[in-house]
Amino acid sequence: MTRQPLVARRAEELLGSSVVATAPVAGGDISTATRLRLSDGTTALMKTHPHAPADFFEAEARGLRWLAEAGGVAVPELLAHDHECLILRWVEPGKNTADAAAAFGRSLAVTHGAGAPSYGLVEDGYIGKLPLPNRPTETWAEFYAVRRVLPYLKLARDRGAVDAAQAAAIEAVIPRLGDLVPEEPPARLHGDLWNGNVLWGLDGQVWVIDPAAHGGHRETDLAMLALFGLPHLPRVLDAYDEVAPLAEGWQDRVTLHQLFPLLVHASLFGGGYGARAATLATKHT
């Protein structure tokens, strides 16, 4: 590890501790990640984004604290943040194991079970680098329609990632949401729980990062885990179901909950994500 003076100086200002060395961390297309070694022996991860919206890292910090309060799934300790950066205690990577996956499933059930005051959240947030509307609604079906699917469908259409026929196929499922998904009390969701935001620690724990936290339907987090694949996912789901049994037919609803993240990806990256969302939507109409 060398020492990047500008990064080190900013970290020292926030932490009140000297930075001995820094090293770039690969991955991530939104923020720049740097590993820090502090004079007190602490190792930390610093995320920087010099042109981030003023509340970008505050939203992430708020989500991390809210998830940690649930006492379920492990969340790295938040050491400091401001409008340009966020610093977390480092999680040393380890191997993915079936035992860790089962523990993760049980702890995720605890986090979800901590609940939320409503569907949504008082404050808006971000998913990736896109704004995430969170204003609460009365029902999950309304929330999923007007705060998740429709805003990103419009954005994807505006960016040419979804055509008229695909948009019509997705819109057709909206009136059926209340009938297709059993209403449940709002769960405390990570909100962006894909494989890249799940860390397998050397300590044998599974940790989660980069939340888009809000109150929602717990099946949404589980569907996100399945979208891009997670090691030992069946063990995660079985352990989860043992702690908090899922409503009958939840497997058939996975693709319905995946419409939102697919539309987010269509908005950000284009490609075939919009077409895939449309194909999944037709299964529910």
Protein backbone atom coordinates (compact mmCIF):
# COMPACT_ATOMS: atom_id res chain seq x y z
CA MET A 1 0.00 0.00 0.00
CA THR A 2 1.22 3.50 -0.89
CA ARG A 3 -0.30 6.75 0.30
CA GLN A 4 -2.56 8.98 -1.81
CA PRO A 5 -2.17 12.38 -0.16
CA LEU A 6 -5.54 13.92 -1.09
CA VAL A 7 -7.56 10.85 -0.12
CA ALA A 8 -5.54 10.34 3.04
CA ARG A 9 -5.93 13.97 4.11
CA ARG A 10 -9.71 13.89 3.67
CA ALA A 11 -9.97 10.65 5.65
CA GLU A 12 -7.81 12.06 8.42
CA GLU A 13 -10.03 15.12 8.70
CA LEU A 14 -13.12 12.95 9.14
CA LEU A 15 -11.63 10.23 11.32
CA GLY A 16 -9.22 12.16 13.48
CA SER A 17 -6.62 9.46 12.91
CA SER A 18 -3.55 9.32 10.71
CA VAL A 19 -3.68 7.35 7.47
CA VAL A 20 -0.53 5.25 7.09
CA ALA A 21 -1.24 3.83 3.63
CA THR A 22 -3.87 3.68 0.90
CA ALA A 23 -4.60 1.31 -1.98
CA PRO A 24 -7.21 1.38 -4.77
CA VAL A 25 -9.98 -1.22 -4.63
CA ALA A 26 -11.30 -2.64 -7.90
CA GLY A 27 -15.00 -2.73 -8.72
CA GLY A 28 -17.84 -0.27 -8.71
CA ASP A 29 -18.84 2.09 -11.52
CA ILE A 30 -20.24 4.92 -9.40
CA SER A 31 -17.79 5.70 -6.61
CA THR A 32 -14.02 5.30 -6.35
CA ALA A 33 -13.08 2.87 -3.57
CA THR A 34 -9.86 3.10 -1.57
CA ARG A 35 -8.55 0.88 1.20
CA LEU A 36 -7.09 2.77 4.15
CA ARG A 37 -4.71 1.62 6.84
CA LEU A 38 -4.87 3.85 9.90
CA SER A 39 -2.22 4.48 12.53
CA ASP A 40 -4.39 2.83 15.20
CA GLY A 41 -4.40 -0.45 13.25
CA THR A 42 -7.87 -0.03 11.75
CA THR A 43 -8.41 -0.96 8.11
CA ALA A 44 -11.19 0.92 6.37
CA LEU A 45 -12.85 1.37 2.99
CA MET A 46 -13.36 4.90 1.71
CA LYS A 47 -15.79 5.64 -1.12
CA THR A 48 -15.42 8.97 -2.89
CA HIS A 49 -17.56 10.69 -5.48
CA PRO A 50 -16.55 14.34 -5.96
CA HIS A 51 -19.61 15.26 -8.03
CA ALA A 52 -22.20 13.30 -6.06
CA PRO A 53 -25.54 14.93 -5.20
CA ALA A 54 -25.40 16.66 -1.83
CA ASP A 55 -27.39 13.92 -0.08
CA PHE A 56 -25.92 10.92 -1.92
CA PHE A 57 -23.69 9.58 0.85
CA GLU A 58 -26.06 10.72 3.58
CA ALA A 59 -28.75 8.47 2.04
CA GLU A 60 -26.33 5.54 2.03
CA ALA A 61 -25.27 6.21 5.62
CA ARG A 62 -28.88 6.46 6.73
CA GLY A 63 -29.67 3.14 5.08
CA LEU A 64 -26.68 1.42 6.67
CA ARG A 65 -27.66 2.66 10.13
CA TRP A 66 -31.29 1.62 9.65
CA LEU A 67 -30.31 -1.89 8.60
CA ALA A 68 -27.81 -2.22 11.46
CA GLU A 69 -30.48 -1.25 13.99
CA ALA A 70 -32.47 -4.36 13.05
CA GLY A 71 -29.84 -6.64 14.60
CA GLY A 72 -30.07 -9.09 11.73
CA VAL A 73 -27.81 -9.20 8.69
CA ALA A 74 -24.30 -7.85 9.27
CA VAL A 75 -23.55 -4.32 8.05
CA PRO A 76 -20.01 -2.84 8.07
CA GLU A 77 -19.51 -0.21 10.76
CA LEU A 78 -19.98 3.31 9.47
CA LEU A 79 -16.90 5.28 10.56
CA ALA A 80 -17.56 8.65 8.92
CA HIS A 81 -19.20 10.36 5.96
CA ASP A 82 -19.84 13.73 4.39
CA HIS A 83 -21.23 14.98 1.07
CA GLU A 84 -18.24 13.67 -0.93
CA CYS A 85 -17.32 10.40 0.72
CA LEU A 86 -18.19 7.58 3.09
CA ILE A 87 -15.84 5.46 5.22
CA LEU A 88 -16.64 1.95 6.47
CA ARG A 89 -14.71 -0.54 8.54
CA TRP A 90 -13.03 -2.97 6.12
CA VAL A 91 -14.51 -6.44 5.64
CA GLU A 92 -11.78 -8.93 4.80
CA PRO A 93 -13.03 -11.15 1.96
CA GLY A 94 -13.37 -14.88 2.56
CA LYS A 95 -14.96 -17.91 0.95
CA ASN A 96 -18.65 -18.41 0.33
CA THR A 97 -19.85 -21.45 2.27
CA ALA A 98 -23.15 -23.22 2.74
CA ASP A 99 -23.06 -22.59 6.50
CA ALA A 100 -22.52 -18.85 6.00
CA ALA A 101 -25.35 -18.81 3.45
CA ALA A 102 -27.75 -20.44 5.90
CA ALA A 103 -26.78 -17.94 8.61
CA PHE A 104 -27.32 -15.13 6.12
CA GLY A 105 -30.81 -16.39 5.31
CA ARG A 106 -31.75 -16.47 8.99
CA SER A 107 -30.30 -13.03 9.68
CA LEU A 108 -31.99 -11.53 6.62
CA ALA A 109 -35.32 -12.79 7.95
CA VAL A 110 -34.61 -10.93 11.21
CA THR A 111 -33.82 -7.72 9.33
CA HIS A 112 -36.99 -7.95 7.29
CA GLY A 113 -38.96 -8.74 10.41
CA ALA A 114 -37.81 -5.51 12.08
CA GLY A 115 -40.29 -3.84 9.78
CA ALA A 116 -40.80 -0.29 8.60
CA PRO A 117 -43.35 2.43 9.39
CA SER A 118 -44.75 2.30 5.85
CA TYR A 119 -44.10 1.19 2.32
CA GLY A 120 -41.36 3.53 1.24
CA LEU A 121 -39.45 5.90 3.48
CA VAL A 122 -39.72 9.52 4.56
CA GLU A 123 -36.59 10.43 2.60
CA ASP A 124 -35.89 9.67 -1.04
CA GLY A 125 -32.69 7.82 -1.85
CA TYR A 126 -30.62 6.44 -4.69
CA ILE A 127 -30.27 3.16 -6.49
CA GLY A 128 -26.91 3.06 -8.17
CA LYS A 129 -26.56 6.65 -9.37
CA LEU A 130 -30.27 7.12 -10.09
CA PRO A 131 -32.65 8.96 -7.74
CA LEU A 132 -34.98 6.60 -5.90
CA PRO A 133 -38.45 7.94 -5.01
CA ASN A 134 -39.60 6.65 -1.63
CA ARG A 135 -42.63 8.73 -0.67
CA PRO A 136 -44.91 6.37 1.31
CA THR A 137 -48.12 4.87 -0.05
CA GLU A 138 -51.00 3.00 1.56
CA THR A 139 -50.41 -0.38 -0.10
CA TRP A 140 -47.48 -2.31 -1.52
CA ALA A 141 -49.17 -2.60 -4.92
CA GLU A 142 -49.44 1.18 -5.21
CA PHE A 143 -45.87 1.67 -3.98
CA TYR A 144 -44.42 -0.85 -6.41
CA ALA A 145 -46.35 0.66 -9.30
CA VAL A 146 -45.83 4.39 -8.77
CA ARG A 147 -42.46 4.46 -6.96
CA ARG A 148 -40.66 1.55 -8.60
CA VAL A 149 -41.92 0.19 -11.92
CA LEU A 150 -43.48 3.20 -13.66
CA PRO A 151 -40.76 5.82 -12.96
CA TYR A 152 -38.00 3.60 -14.33
CA LEU A 153 -40.14 2.39 -17.21
CA LYS A 154 -40.55 6.02 -18.25
CA LEU A 155 -36.83 6.68 -17.85
CA ALA A 156 -35.94 3.57 -19.84
CA ARG A 157 -38.32 4.61 -22.62
CA ASP A 158 -36.94 8.14 -22.66
CA ARG A 159 -33.44 6.69 -23.05
CA GLY A 160 -34.48 4.32 -25.84
CA ALA A 161 -33.96 1.17 -23.77
CA VAL A 162 -37.62 0.07 -23.96
CA ASP A 163 -39.85 0.27 -27.03
CA ALA A 164 -43.60 0.90 -27.17
CA ALA A 165 -44.59 -2.77 -27.31
CA GLN A 166 -42.35 -3.66 -24.38
CA ALA A 167 -43.68 -0.74 -22.36
CA ALA A 168 -47.26 -1.84 -23.03
CA ALA A 169 -46.47 -5.37 -21.85
CA ILE A 170 -45.03 -4.04 -18.58
CA GLU A 171 -47.86 -1.55 -18.03
CA ALA A 172 -50.42 -4.33 -18.47
CA VAL A 173 -49.31 -6.01 -15.24
CA ILE A 174 -49.76 -2.88 -13.09
CA PRO A 175 -53.54 -3.24 -12.48
CA ARG A 176 -52.99 -6.84 -11.35
CA LEU A 177 -50.32 -6.23 -8.71
CA GLY A 178 -52.76 -6.20 -5.79
CA ASP A 179 -54.19 -9.56 -6.84
CA LEU A 180 -50.89 -11.21 -7.68
CA VAL A 181 -48.90 -10.41 -4.52
CA PRO A 182 -50.33 -11.06 -1.03
CA GLU A 183 -50.25 -7.91 1.09
CA GLU A 184 -47.88 -8.09 4.06
CA PRO A 185 -46.72 -5.55 6.66
CA PRO A 186 -43.82 -3.46 5.33
CA ALA A 187 -40.49 -5.23 5.74
CA ARG A 188 -37.14 -3.52 6.34
CA LEU A 189 -35.48 -4.00 2.95
CA HIS A 190 -31.91 -3.58 1.76
CA GLY A 191 -33.47 -2.57 -1.54
CA ASP A 192 -30.56 -3.35 -3.89
CA LEU A 193 -29.64 -6.82 -2.72
CA TRP A 194 -27.88 -8.22 -5.74
CA ASN A 195 -24.82 -10.46 -5.55
CA GLY A 196 -22.37 -7.55 -5.84
CA ASN A 197 -23.69 -6.01 -2.62
CA VAL A 198 -23.23 -9.22 -0.63
CA LEU A 199 -19.78 -9.75 0.90
CA TRP A 200 -18.57 -13.13 2.15
CA GLY A 201 -16.24 -12.27 5.03
CA LEU A 202 -13.15 -14.07 6.23
CA ASP A 203 -14.88 -14.13 9.62
CA GLY A 204 -17.51 -16.49 8.22
CA GLN A 205 -20.23 -13.85 8.17
CA VAL A 206 -22.11 -12.50 5.19
CA TRP A 207 -22.17 -8.69 5.08
CA VAL A 208 -24.30 -6.35 2.98
CA ILE A 209 -23.29 -2.98 1.54
CA ASP A 210 -24.63 -0.20 -0.71
CA PRO A 211 -28.27 -0.28 0.40
CA ALA A 212 -31.23 1.45 -1.19
CA ALA A 213 -33.09 0.85 2.06
CA HIS A 214 -36.84 1.35 2.40
CA GLY A 215 -39.98 -0.34 3.61
CA GLY A 216 -41.31 -2.82 1.09
CA HIS A 217 -42.31 -6.40 0.37
CA ARG A 218 -39.74 -8.89 1.63
CA GLU A 219 -40.06 -10.99 -1.52
CA THR A 220 -38.42 -8.11 -3.42
CA ASP A 221 -35.05 -8.54 -1.66
CA LEU A 222 -35.16 -12.28 -2.25
CA ALA A 223 -36.00 -11.82 -5.92
CA MET A 224 -33.04 -9.46 -6.28
CA LEU A 225 -30.72 -12.12 -4.85
CA ALA A 226 -31.94 -14.50 -7.53
CA LEU A 227 -31.72 -12.06 -10.45
CA PHE A 228 -27.96 -12.17 -10.98
CA GLY A 229 -27.25 -15.27 -8.93
CA LEU A 230 -25.86 -15.76 -5.43
CA PRO A 231 -23.69 -18.66 -4.26
CA HIS A 232 -25.67 -21.18 -2.19
CA LEU A 233 -28.93 -19.30 -2.83
CA PRO A 234 -31.11 -22.38 -2.09
CA ARG A 235 -29.51 -22.60 1.37
CA VAL A 236 -30.20 -18.91 1.95
CA LEU A 237 -33.85 -19.28 0.97
CA ASP A 238 -34.43 -22.48 2.95
CA ALA A 239 -32.94 -20.96 6.10
CA TYR A 240 -34.96 -17.78 5.59
CA ASP A 241 -38.17 -19.73 5.18
CA GLU A 242 -37.50 -21.65 8.39
CA VAL A 243 -37.39 -18.39 10.37
CA ALA A 244 -40.07 -16.46 8.47
CA PRO A 245 -42.16 -18.74 6.23
CA LEU A 246 -42.96 -17.21 2.88
CA ALA A 247 -46.49 -16.99 1.50
CA GLU A 248 -47.62 -19.80 -0.76
CA GLY A 249 -46.58 -19.38 -4.37
CA TRP A 250 -43.73 -16.98 -3.69
CA GLN A 251 -41.53 -18.74 -6.24
CA ASP A 252 -44.01 -17.82 -8.98
CA ARG A 253 -43.78 -14.15 -8.01
CA VAL A 254 -39.99 -13.86 -8.21
CA THR A 255 -40.07 -12.60 -11.80
CA LEU A 256 -42.70 -10.00 -10.90
CA HIS A 257 -40.44 -8.51 -8.23
CA GLN A 258 -37.56 -8.49 -10.73
CA LEU A 259 -39.27 -5.99 -13.03
CA PHE A 260 -38.01 -3.05 -10.99
CA PRO A 261 -34.28 -3.92 -10.96
CA LEU A 262 -34.40 -4.88 -14.62
CA LEU A 263 -35.88 -1.49 -15.50
CA VAL A 264 -33.22 0.23 -13.40
CA HIS A 265 -30.56 -1.66 -15.38
CA ALA A 266 -32.31 -0.80 -18.64
CA SER A 267 -32.23 2.87 -17.65
CA LEU A 268 -28.54 2.74 -16.72
CA PHE A 269 -27.08 0.33 -19.25
CA GLY A 270 -29.61 -0.30 -22.03
CA GLY A 271 -28.83 -3.64 -23.56
CA GLY A 272 -31.46 -6.35 -23.33
CA TYR A 273 -32.71 -5.52 -19.83
CA GLY A 274 -35.87 -3.79 -21.08
CA ALA A 275 -36.79 -6.69 -23.33
CA ARG A 276 -36.18 -9.10 -20.47
CA ALA A 277 -38.49 -7.10 -18.20
CA ALA A 278 -41.21 -7.17 -20.84
CA THR A 279 -40.88 -10.93 -21.28
CA LEU A 280 -41.20 -11.48 -17.53
CA ALA A 281 -44.20 -9.16 -17.31
CA THR A 282 -46.13 -11.19 -19.87
CA LYS A 283 -45.97 -14.19 -17.53
CA HIS A 284 -48.26 -12.34 -15.12
CA THR A 285 -50.88 -10.97 -17.53
